Amino acid sequence: MSKTTMIEKSTTIRVRLSSYDNIKHLAESEKITIQDAIDRLLEDYNRKRFFEELNNSIIRYQKSNPKGWAEDQKERNNMDIVQDMEDEDETW
């Protein structure tokens, strides 16, 4: 059976020498390629941005609709209580 490899397009970018040294050191310490280290860092950065934006949206909602926020919290607490009761019924 033949093995198929996927070749992704790539490009060259200029980075500060200190950035290159930093990412090279990270890649070596993780025993991964520089490209994989960059990919991981970008994934982490995008995840961080997502949760920062989510948090900011929640804060805006809290400020713009305190009554709705209080109702949401009450509903979440009730769901937690039900989940706790269901967890107590589980046997392992």
Foldseek 3Di string as FASTA:
>chain_A
DDDDDDDDDDDDDDDPPVVVVVLVVVCVVVVHDSVVSVVVVVVVVVVVVVVVVVVVVVVVCCVVPVPVVVVVVVVVVVVVVVVVVVVVPDDD
